[in-house]
Amino acid sequence: MPLYNYTCSDCGEVFDLRHPYAEKNIQCVVCKSENIKKNLSKVLRVTKKCYNNKEKVGSKVVEAIEDGREELKKYKNIQKNKVYGKK
């Protein structure tokens, strides 16, 4: 649900509320008055941060896959060399 900013005309309180777009009967959180005014929303500024990484995209994933392969090889060798006795 979106966040809306309101100002109460009776008590002057400025407050934020989350509610559906079609919500009716919105009241002030302090004085419970319905004489409120919706303020313009704040502008959301999104900036892209660039870092000078020398790593290629996905290098951590490839590294994790290789680690998993090594662990699997070790586990298979341990299981292959295990000797089971008859019960």
PDB file of N, CA and C in Angstrom:
ATOM      1  N   MET A   1       0.835  -1.179   0.000  1.00  0.00           N
ATOM      2  CA  MET A   1       0.000   0.000   0.000  1.00  0.00           C
ATOM      3  C   MET A   1       0.883   1.248   0.000  1.00  0.00           C
ATOM      4  N   PRO A   2       0.440   2.275  -0.697  1.00  0.00           N
ATOM      5  CA  PRO A   2       1.239   3.498  -0.755  1.00  0.00           C
ATOM      6  C   PRO A   2       1.157   4.302   0.540  1.00  0.00           C
ATOM      7  N   LEU A   3       2.140   5.136   0.728  1.00  0.00           N
ATOM      8  CA  LEU A   3       2.217   6.011   1.895  1.00  0.00           C
ATOM      9  C   LEU A   3       1.775   7.409   1.471  1.00  0.00           C
ATOM     10  N   TYR A   4       0.768   7.945   2.163  1.00  0.00           N
ATOM     11  CA  TYR A   4       0.234   9.269   1.853  1.00  0.00           C
ATOM     12  C   TYR A   4       0.551  10.227   2.996  1.00  0.00           C
ATOM     13  N   ASN A   5       0.800  11.492   2.656  1.00  0.00           N
ATOM     14  CA  ASN A   5       1.113  12.526   3.630  1.00  0.00           C
ATOM     15  C   ASN A   5      -0.068  13.484   3.728  1.00  0.00           C
ATOM     16  N   TYR A   6      -0.508  13.769   4.956  1.00  0.00           N
ATOM     17  CA  TYR A   6      -1.669  14.631   5.187  1.00  0.00           C
ATOM     18  C   TYR A   6      -1.325  15.730   6.180  1.00  0.00           C
ATOM     19  N   THR A   7      -2.097  16.833   6.109  1.00  0.00           N
ATOM     20  CA  THR A   7      -2.039  17.908   7.096  1.00  0.00           C
ATOM     21  C   THR A   7      -3.453  18.150   7.594  1.00  0.00           C
ATOM     22  N   CYS A   8      -3.613  18.164   8.910  1.00  0.00           N
ATOM     23  CA  CYS A   8      -4.923  18.423   9.508  1.00  0.00           C
ATOM     24  C   CYS A   8      -5.161  19.932   9.534  1.00  0.00           C
ATOM     25  N   SER A   9      -6.311  20.348   9.023  1.00  0.00           N
ATOM     26  CA  SER A   9      -6.641  21.782   8.989  1.00  0.00           C
ATOM     27  C   SER A   9      -7.062  22.297  10.362  1.00  0.00           C
ATOM     28  N   ASP A  10      -7.493  21.410  11.256  1.00  0.00           N
ATOM     29  CA  ASP A  10      -7.949  21.849  12.585  1.00  0.00           C
ATOM     30  C   ASP A  10      -6.798  21.996  13.567  1.00  0.00           C
ATOM     31  N   CYS A  11      -5.956  20.962  13.686  1.00  0.00           N
ATOM     32  CA  CYS A  11      -4.885  21.015  14.686  1.00  0.00           C
ATOM     33  C   CYS A  11      -3.505  21.282  14.081  1.00  0.00           C
ATOM     34  N   GLY A  12      -3.369  21.221  12.756  1.00  0.00           N
ATOM     35  CA  GLY A  12      -2.095  21.516  12.110  1.00  0.00           C
ATOM     36  C   GLY A  12      -1.116  20.353  12.092  1.00  0.00           C
ATOM     37  N   GLU A  13      -1.540  19.203  12.537  1.00  0.00           N
ATOM     38  CA  GLU A  13      -0.678  18.018  12.587  1.00  0.00           C
ATOM     39  C   GLU A  13      -0.362  17.535  11.165  1.00  0.00           C
ATOM     40  N   VAL A  14       0.894  17.198  10.925  1.00  0.00           N
ATOM     41  CA  VAL A  14       1.316  16.611   9.658  1.00  0.00           C
ATOM     42  C   VAL A  14       1.625  15.139   9.938  1.00  0.00           C
ATOM     43  N   PHE A  15       1.012  14.246   9.186  1.00  0.00           N
ATOM     44  CA  PHE A  15       1.181  12.815   9.452  1.00  0.00           C
ATOM     45  C   PHE A  15       1.148  12.016   8.154  1.00  0.00           C
ATOM     46  N   ASP A  16       1.670  10.802   8.224  1.00  0.00           N
ATOM     47  CA  ASP A  16       1.693   9.875   7.095  1.00  0.00           C
ATOM     48  C   ASP A  16       0.791   8.690   7.404  1.00  0.00           C
ATOM     49  N   LEU A  17       0.084   8.219   6.398  1.00  0.00           N
ATOM     50  CA  LEU A  17      -0.766   7.033   6.541  1.00  0.00           C
ATOM     51  C   LEU A  17      -0.575   6.118   5.341  1.00  0.00           C
ATOM     52  N   ARG A  18      -0.601   4.822   5.594  1.00  0.00           N
ATOM     53  CA  ARG A  18      -0.618   3.831   4.522  1.00  0.00           C
ATOM     54  C   ARG A  18      -2.045   3.317   4.397  1.00  0.00           C
ATOM     55  N   HIS A  19      -2.581   3.406   3.204  1.00  0.00           N
ATOM     56  CA  HIS A  19      -3.935   2.917   2.975  1.00  0.00           C
ATOM     57  C   HIS A  19      -4.142   2.699   1.485  1.00  0.00           C
ATOM     58  N   PRO A  20      -5.175   1.937   1.113  1.00  0.00           N
ATOM     59  CA  PRO A  20      -5.482   1.746  -0.308  1.00  0.00           C
ATOM     60  C   PRO A  20      -5.856   3.071  -0.964  1.00  0.00           C
ATOM     61  N   TYR A  21      -5.736   3.121  -2.270  1.00  0.00           N
ATOM     62  CA  TYR A  21      -6.000   4.342  -3.016  1.00  0.00           C
ATOM     63  C   TYR A  21      -7.429   4.850  -2.815  1.00  0.00           C
ATOM     64  N   ALA A  22      -8.389   3.956  -2.804  1.00  0.00           N
ATOM     65  CA  ALA A  22      -9.795   4.344  -2.730  1.00  0.00           C
ATOM     66  C   ALA A  22     -10.312   4.488  -1.296  1.00  0.00           C
ATOM     67  N   GLU A  23      -9.461   4.597  -0.333  1.00  0.00           N
ATOM     68  CA  GLU A  23      -9.864   4.702   1.071  1.00  0.00           C
ATOM     69  C   GLU A  23     -10.678   5.970   1.309  1.00  0.00           C
ATOM     70  N   LYS A  24     -11.759   5.848   2.024  1.00  0.00           N
ATOM     71  CA  LYS A  24     -12.623   6.978   2.392  1.00  0.00           C
ATOM     72  C   LYS A  24     -12.553   7.169   3.909  1.00  0.00           C
ATOM     73  N   ASN A  25     -13.092   8.272   4.391  1.00  0.00           N
ATOM     74  CA  ASN A  25     -13.198   8.558   5.833  1.00  0.00           C
ATOM     75  C   ASN A  25     -11.846   8.550   6.534  1.00  0.00           C
ATOM     76  N   ILE A  26     -10.898   9.262   6.014  1.00  0.00           N
ATOM     77  CA  ILE A  26      -9.582   9.355   6.642  1.00  0.00           C
ATOM     78  C   ILE A  26      -9.632  10.434   7.712  1.00  0.00           C
ATOM     79  N   GLN A  27      -9.107  10.122   8.891  1.00  0.00           N
ATOM     80  CA  GLN A  27      -9.163  11.046  10.018  1.00  0.00           C
ATOM     81  C   GLN A  27      -7.762  11.399  10.488  1.00  0.00           C
ATOM     82  N   CYS A  28      -7.651  12.544  11.149  1.00  0.00           N
ATOM     83  CA  CYS A  28      -6.402  12.978  11.761  1.00  0.00           C
ATOM     84  C   CYS A  28      -6.041  11.997  12.873  1.00  0.00           C
ATOM     85  N   VAL A  29      -4.763  11.679  12.994  1.00  0.00           N
ATOM     86  CA  VAL A  29      -4.336  10.724  14.015  1.00  0.00           C
ATOM     87  C   VAL A  29      -4.326  11.337  15.413  1.00  0.00           C
ATOM     88  N   VAL A  30      -4.368  12.668  15.513  1.00  0.00           N
ATOM     89  CA  VAL A  30      -4.332  13.339  16.814  1.00  0.00           C
ATOM     90  C   VAL A  30      -5.732  13.722  17.280  1.00  0.00           C
ATOM     91  N   CYS A  31      -6.444  14.515  16.463  1.00  0.00           N
ATOM     92  CA  CYS A  31      -7.733  15.050  16.914  1.00  0.00           C
ATOM     93  C   CYS A  31      -8.936  14.337  16.294  1.00  0.00           C
ATOM     94  N   LYS A  32      -8.706  13.357  15.446  1.00  0.00           N
ATOM     95  CA  LYS A  32      -9.758  12.551  14.801  1.00  0.00           C
ATOM     96  C   LYS A  32     -10.677  13.377  13.896  1.00  0.00           C
ATOM     97  N   SER A  33     -10.231  14.543  13.465  1.00  0.00           N
ATOM     98  CA  SER A  33     -11.006  15.383  12.564  1.00  0.00           C
ATOM     99  C   SER A  33     -10.911  14.834  11.142  1.00  0.00           C
ATOM    100  N   GLU A  34     -11.974  15.010  10.364  1.00  0.00           N
ATOM    101  CA  GLU A  34     -11.957  14.593   8.961  1.00  0.00           C
ATOM    102  C   GLU A  34     -11.626  15.770   8.054  1.00  0.00           C
ATOM    103  N   ASN A  35     -11.303  16.918   8.635  1.00  0.00           N
ATOM    104  CA  ASN A  35     -10.946  18.115   7.891  1.00  0.00           C
ATOM    105  C   ASN A  35      -9.435  18.095   7.631  1.00  0.00           C
ATOM    106  N   ILE A  36      -9.021  17.225   6.721  1.00  0.00           N
ATOM    107  CA  ILE A  36      -7.596  17.076   6.439  1.00  0.00           C
ATOM    108  C   ILE A  36      -7.341  17.334   4.963  1.00  0.00           C
ATOM    109  N   LYS A  37      -6.087  17.679   4.653  1.00  0.00           N
ATOM    110  CA  LYS A  37      -5.688  17.966   3.284  1.00  0.00           C
ATOM    111  C   LYS A  37      -4.543  17.036   2.906  1.00  0.00           C
ATOM    112  N   LYS A  38      -4.652  16.421   1.730  1.00  0.00           N
ATOM    113  CA  LYS A  38      -3.595  15.535   1.242  1.00  0.00           C
ATOM    114  C   LYS A  38      -2.484  16.387   0.650  1.00  0.00           C
ATOM    115  N   ASN A  39      -1.260  16.142   1.084  1.00  0.00           N
ATOM    116  CA  ASN A  39      -0.098  16.868   0.579  1.00  0.00           C
ATOM    117  C   ASN A  39       0.490  16.146  -0.629  1.00  0.00           C
ATOM    118  N   LEU A  40       1.247  16.877  -1.414  1.00  0.00           N
ATOM    119  CA  LEU A  40       1.935  16.249  -2.539  1.00  0.00           C
ATOM    120  C   LEU A  40       2.978  15.276  -2.020  1.00  0.00           C
ATOM    121  N   SER A  41       3.126  14.177  -2.718  1.00  0.00           N
ATOM    122  CA  SER A  41       4.104  13.173  -2.321  1.00  0.00           C
ATOM    123  C   SER A  41       5.511  13.694  -2.564  1.00  0.00           C
ATOM    124  N   LYS A  42       6.423  13.197  -1.762  1.00  0.00           N
ATOM    125  CA  LYS A  42       7.824  13.545  -1.946  1.00  0.00           C
ATOM    126  C   LYS A  42       8.347  12.830  -3.181  1.00  0.00           C
ATOM    127  N   VAL A  43       9.261  13.466  -3.858  1.00  0.00           N
ATOM    128  CA  VAL A  43       9.839  12.871  -5.047  1.00  0.00           C
ATOM    129  C   VAL A  43      10.883  11.844  -4.620  1.00  0.00           C
ATOM    130  N   LEU A  44      10.758  10.671  -5.182  1.00  0.00           N
ATOM    131  CA  LEU A  44      11.719   9.609  -4.893  1.00  0.00           C
ATOM    132  C   LEU A  44      12.855   9.733  -5.891  1.00  0.00           C
ATOM    133  N   ARG A  45      14.022   9.937  -5.389  1.00  0.00           N
ATOM    134  CA  ARG A  45      15.189  10.085  -6.264  1.00  0.00           C
ATOM    135  C   ARG A  45      16.014   8.816  -6.169  1.00  0.00           C
ATOM    136  N   VAL A  46      16.123   8.156  -7.289  1.00  0.00           N
ATOM    137  CA  VAL A  46      16.881   6.918  -7.342  1.00  0.00           C
ATOM    138  C   VAL A  46      18.180   7.192  -8.081  1.00  0.00           C
ATOM    139  N   THR A  47      19.267   6.851  -7.451  1.00  0.00           N
ATOM    140  CA  THR A  47      20.558   7.021  -8.107  1.00  0.00           C
ATOM    141  C   THR A  47      21.238   5.672  -8.202  1.00  0.00           C
ATOM    142  N   LYS A  48      21.973   5.511  -9.246  1.00  0.00           N
ATOM    143  CA  LYS A  48      22.696   4.261  -9.457  1.00  0.00           C
ATOM    144  C   LYS A  48      24.122   4.461  -8.972  1.00  0.00           C
ATOM    145  N   LYS A  49      24.537   3.595  -8.083  1.00  0.00           N
ATOM    146  CA  LYS A  49      25.889   3.685  -7.567  1.00  0.00           C
ATOM    147  C   LYS A  49      26.782   2.767  -8.391  1.00  0.00           C
ATOM    148  N   CYS A  50      27.848   3.317  -8.853  1.00  0.00           N
ATOM    149  CA  CYS A  50      28.805   2.525  -9.626  1.00  0.00           C
ATOM    150  C   CYS A  50      30.087   2.410  -8.819  1.00  0.00           C
ATOM    151  N   TYR A  51      30.554   1.233  -8.724  1.00  0.00           N
ATOM    152  CA  TYR A  51      31.817   0.980  -8.052  1.00  0.00           C
ATOM    153  C   TYR A  51      32.787   0.429  -9.078  1.00  0.00           C
ATOM    154  N   ASN A  52      34.003   0.725  -8.913  1.00  0.00           N
ATOM    155  CA  ASN A  52      35.006   0.233  -9.847  1.00  0.00           C
ATOM    156  C   ASN A  52      35.439  -1.171  -9.442  1.00  0.00           C
ATOM    157  N   ASN A  53      34.543  -2.099  -9.630  1.00  0.00           N
ATOM    158  CA  ASN A  53      34.848  -3.494  -9.335  1.00  0.00           C
ATOM    159  C   ASN A  53      35.533  -4.108 -10.535  1.00  0.00           C
ATOM    160  N   LYS A  54      36.560  -4.847 -10.281  1.00  0.00           N
ATOM    161  CA  LYS A  54      37.267  -5.532 -11.349  1.00  0.00           C
ATOM    162  C   LYS A  54      36.684  -6.913 -11.598  1.00  0.00           C
ATOM    163  N   GLU A  55      35.769  -7.335 -10.734  1.00  0.00           N
ATOM    164  CA  GLU A  55      35.174  -8.655 -10.881  1.00  0.00           C
ATOM    165  C   GLU A  55      34.123  -8.625 -11.968  1.00  0.00           C
ATOM    166  N   LYS A  56      34.015  -9.732 -12.685  1.00  0.00           N
ATOM    167  CA  LYS A  56      32.988  -9.853 -13.710  1.00  0.00           C
ATOM    168  C   LYS A  56      31.653 -10.155 -13.041  1.00  0.00           C
ATOM    169  N   VAL A  57      30.587  -9.847 -13.755  1.00  0.00           N
ATOM    170  CA  VAL A  57      29.250 -10.131 -13.262  1.00  0.00           C
ATOM    171  C   VAL A  57      29.097 -11.642 -13.137  1.00  0.00           C
ATOM    172  N   GLY A  58      28.612 -12.111 -11.992  1.00  0.00           N
ATOM    173  CA  GLY A  58      28.395 -13.540 -11.788  1.00  0.00           C
ATOM    174  C   GLY A  58      29.619 -14.288 -11.293  1.00  0.00           C
ATOM    175  N   SER A  59      30.707 -13.587 -11.013  1.00  0.00           N
ATOM    176  CA  SER A  59      31.924 -14.282 -10.581  1.00  0.00           C
ATOM    177  C   SER A  59      31.730 -14.979  -9.230  1.00  0.00           C
ATOM    178  N   LYS A  60      30.928 -14.392  -8.355  1.00  0.00           N
ATOM    179  CA  LYS A  60      30.663 -15.014  -7.053  1.00  0.00           C
ATOM    180  C   LYS A  60      29.837 -16.293  -7.224  1.00  0.00           C
ATOM    181  N   VAL A  61      28.923 -16.301  -8.174  1.00  0.00           N
ATOM    182  CA  VAL A  61      28.107 -17.480  -8.434  1.00  0.00           C
ATOM    183  C   VAL A  61      28.979 -18.606  -8.980  1.00  0.00           C
ATOM    184  N   VAL A  62      29.845 -18.268  -9.915  1.00  0.00           N
ATOM    185  CA  VAL A  62      30.752 -19.272 -10.485  1.00  0.00           C
ATOM    186  C   VAL A  62      31.657 -19.831  -9.399  1.00  0.00           C
ATOM    187  N   GLU A  63      32.128 -18.976  -8.519  1.00  0.00           N
ATOM    188  CA  GLU A  63      32.987 -19.412  -7.415  1.00  0.00           C
ATOM    189  C   GLU A  63      32.235 -20.363  -6.479  1.00  0.00           C
ATOM    190  N   ALA A  64      30.989 -20.060  -6.179  1.00  0.00           N
ATOM    191  CA  ALA A  64      30.190 -20.923  -5.308  1.00  0.00           C
ATOM    192  C   ALA A  64      29.929 -22.275  -5.974  1.00  0.00           C
ATOM    193  N   ILE A  65      29.691 -22.274  -7.278  1.00  0.00           N
ATOM    194  CA  ILE A  65      29.461 -23.527  -8.006  1.00  0.00           C
ATOM    195  C   ILE A  65      30.720 -24.382  -7.973  1.00  0.00           C
ATOM    196  N   GLU A  66      31.876 -23.784  -8.185  1.00  0.00           N
ATOM    197  CA  GLU A  66      33.139 -24.535  -8.148  1.00  0.00           C
ATOM    198  C   GLU A  66      33.395 -25.107  -6.755  1.00  0.00           C
ATOM    199  N   ASP A  67      33.112 -24.333  -5.715  1.00  0.00           N
ATOM    200  CA  ASP A  67      33.267 -24.834  -4.344  1.00  0.00           C
ATOM    201  C   ASP A  67      32.349 -26.025  -4.100  1.00  0.00           C
ATOM    202  N   GLY A  68      31.118 -25.932  -4.611  1.00  0.00           N
ATOM    203  CA  GLY A  68      30.169 -27.033  -4.468  1.00  0.00           C
ATOM    204  C   GLY A  68      30.637 -28.286  -5.185  1.00  0.00           C
ATOM    205  N   ARG A  69      31.216 -28.128  -6.352  1.00  0.00           N
ATOM    206  CA  ARG A  69      31.749 -29.275  -7.101  1.00  0.00           C
ATOM    207  C   ARG A  69      32.879 -29.951  -6.338  1.00  0.00           C
ATOM    208  N   GLU A  70      33.768 -29.146  -5.770  1.00  0.00           N
ATOM    209  CA  GLU A  70      34.891 -29.705  -5.000  1.00  0.00           C
ATOM    210  C   GLU A  70      34.386 -30.483  -3.783  1.00  0.00           C
ATOM    211  N   GLU A  71      33.428 -29.906  -3.076  1.00  0.00           N
ATOM    212  CA  GLU A  71      32.862 -30.598  -1.914  1.00  0.00           C
ATOM    213  C   GLU A  71      32.194 -31.899  -2.326  1.00  0.00           C
ATOM    214  N   LEU A  72      31.492 -31.900  -3.451  1.00  0.00           N
ATOM    215  CA  LEU A  72      30.829 -33.099  -3.942  1.00  0.00           C
ATOM    216  C   LEU A  72      31.838 -34.174  -4.307  1.00  0.00           C
ATOM    217  N   LYS A  73      32.948 -33.800  -4.947  1.00  0.00           N
ATOM    218  CA  LYS A  73      34.009 -34.764  -5.293  1.00  0.00           C
ATOM    219  C   LYS A  73      34.582 -35.401  -4.025  1.00  0.00           C
ATOM    220  N   LYS A  74      34.859 -34.578  -3.015  1.00  0.00           N
ATOM    221  CA  LYS A  74      35.401 -35.099  -1.754  1.00  0.00           C
ATOM    222  C   LYS A  74      34.417 -36.058  -1.100  1.00  0.00           C
ATOM    223  N   TYR A  75      33.143 -35.702  -1.089  1.00  0.00           N
ATOM    224  CA  TYR A  75      32.117 -36.546  -0.483  1.00  0.00           C
ATOM    225  C   TYR A  75      32.003 -37.878  -1.228  1.00  0.00           C
ATOM    226  N   LYS A  76      32.031 -37.835  -2.564  1.00  0.00           N
ATOM    227  CA  LYS A  76      31.955 -39.064  -3.358  1.00  0.00           C
ATOM    228  C   LYS A  76      33.138 -39.977  -3.088  1.00  0.00           C
ATOM    229  N   ASN A  77      34.338 -39.402  -2.969  1.00  0.00           N
ATOM    230  CA  ASN A  77      35.525 -40.220  -2.677  1.00  0.00           C
ATOM    231  C   ASN A  77      35.433 -40.876  -1.309  1.00  0.00           C
ATOM    232  N   ILE A  78      34.923 -40.134  -0.342  1.00  0.00           N
ATOM    233  CA  ILE A  78      34.761 -40.702   0.999  1.00  0.00           C
ATOM    234  C   ILE A  78      33.764 -41.847   0.963  1.00  0.00           C
ATOM    235  N   GLN A  79      32.638 -41.640   0.275  1.00  0.00           N
ATOM    236  CA  GLN A  79      31.604 -42.677   0.204  1.00  0.00           C
ATOM    237  C   GLN A  79      32.073 -43.887  -0.611  1.00  0.00           C
ATOM    238  N   LYS A  80      32.875 -43.662  -1.641  1.00  0.00           N
ATOM    239  CA  LYS A  80      33.363 -44.738  -2.493  1.00  0.00           C
ATOM    240  C   LYS A  80      34.327 -45.643  -1.704  1.00  0.00           C
ATOM    241  N   ASN A  81      35.121 -45.071  -0.835  1.00  0.00           N
ATOM    242  CA  ASN A  81      36.126 -45.822  -0.096  1.00  0.00           C
ATOM    243  C   ASN A  81      35.603 -46.417   1.199  1.00  0.00           C
ATOM    244  N   LYS A  82      34.342 -46.191   1.524  1.00  0.00           N
ATOM    245  CA  LYS A  82      33.758 -46.726   2.734  1.00  0.00           C
ATOM    246  C   LYS A  82      33.535 -48.220   2.592  1.00  0.00           C
ATOM    247  N   VAL A  83      33.807 -48.934   3.664  1.00  0.00           N
ATOM    248  CA  VAL A  83      33.590 -50.383   3.678  1.00  0.00           C
ATOM    249  C   VAL A  83      32.423 -50.659   4.617  1.00  0.00           C
ATOM    250  N   TYR A  84      31.434 -51.360   4.088  1.00  0.00           N
ATOM    251  CA  TYR A  84      30.255 -51.683   4.888  1.00  0.00           C
ATOM    252  C   TYR A  84      30.325 -53.144   5.290  1.00  0.00           C
ATOM    253  N   GLY A  85      29.997 -53.421   6.520  1.00  0.00           N
ATOM    254  CA  GLY A  85      29.991 -54.808   7.000  1.00  0.00           C
ATOM    255  C   GLY A  85      28.601 -55.384   6.939  1.00  0.00           C
ATOM    256  N   LYS A  86      28.548 -56.739   6.953  1.00  0.00           N
ATOM    257  CA  LYS A  86      27.251 -57.414   6.945  1.00  0.00           C
ATOM    258  C   LYS A  86      26.662 -57.385   8.344  1.00  0.00           C
ATOM    259  N   LYS A  87      25.349 -57.342   8.387  1.00  0.00           N
ATOM    260  CA  LYS A  87      24.669 -57.361   9.676  1.00  0.00           C
ATOM    261  C   LYS A  87      24.249 -58.740  10.034  1.00  0.00           C
TER     262      LYS A  87
END
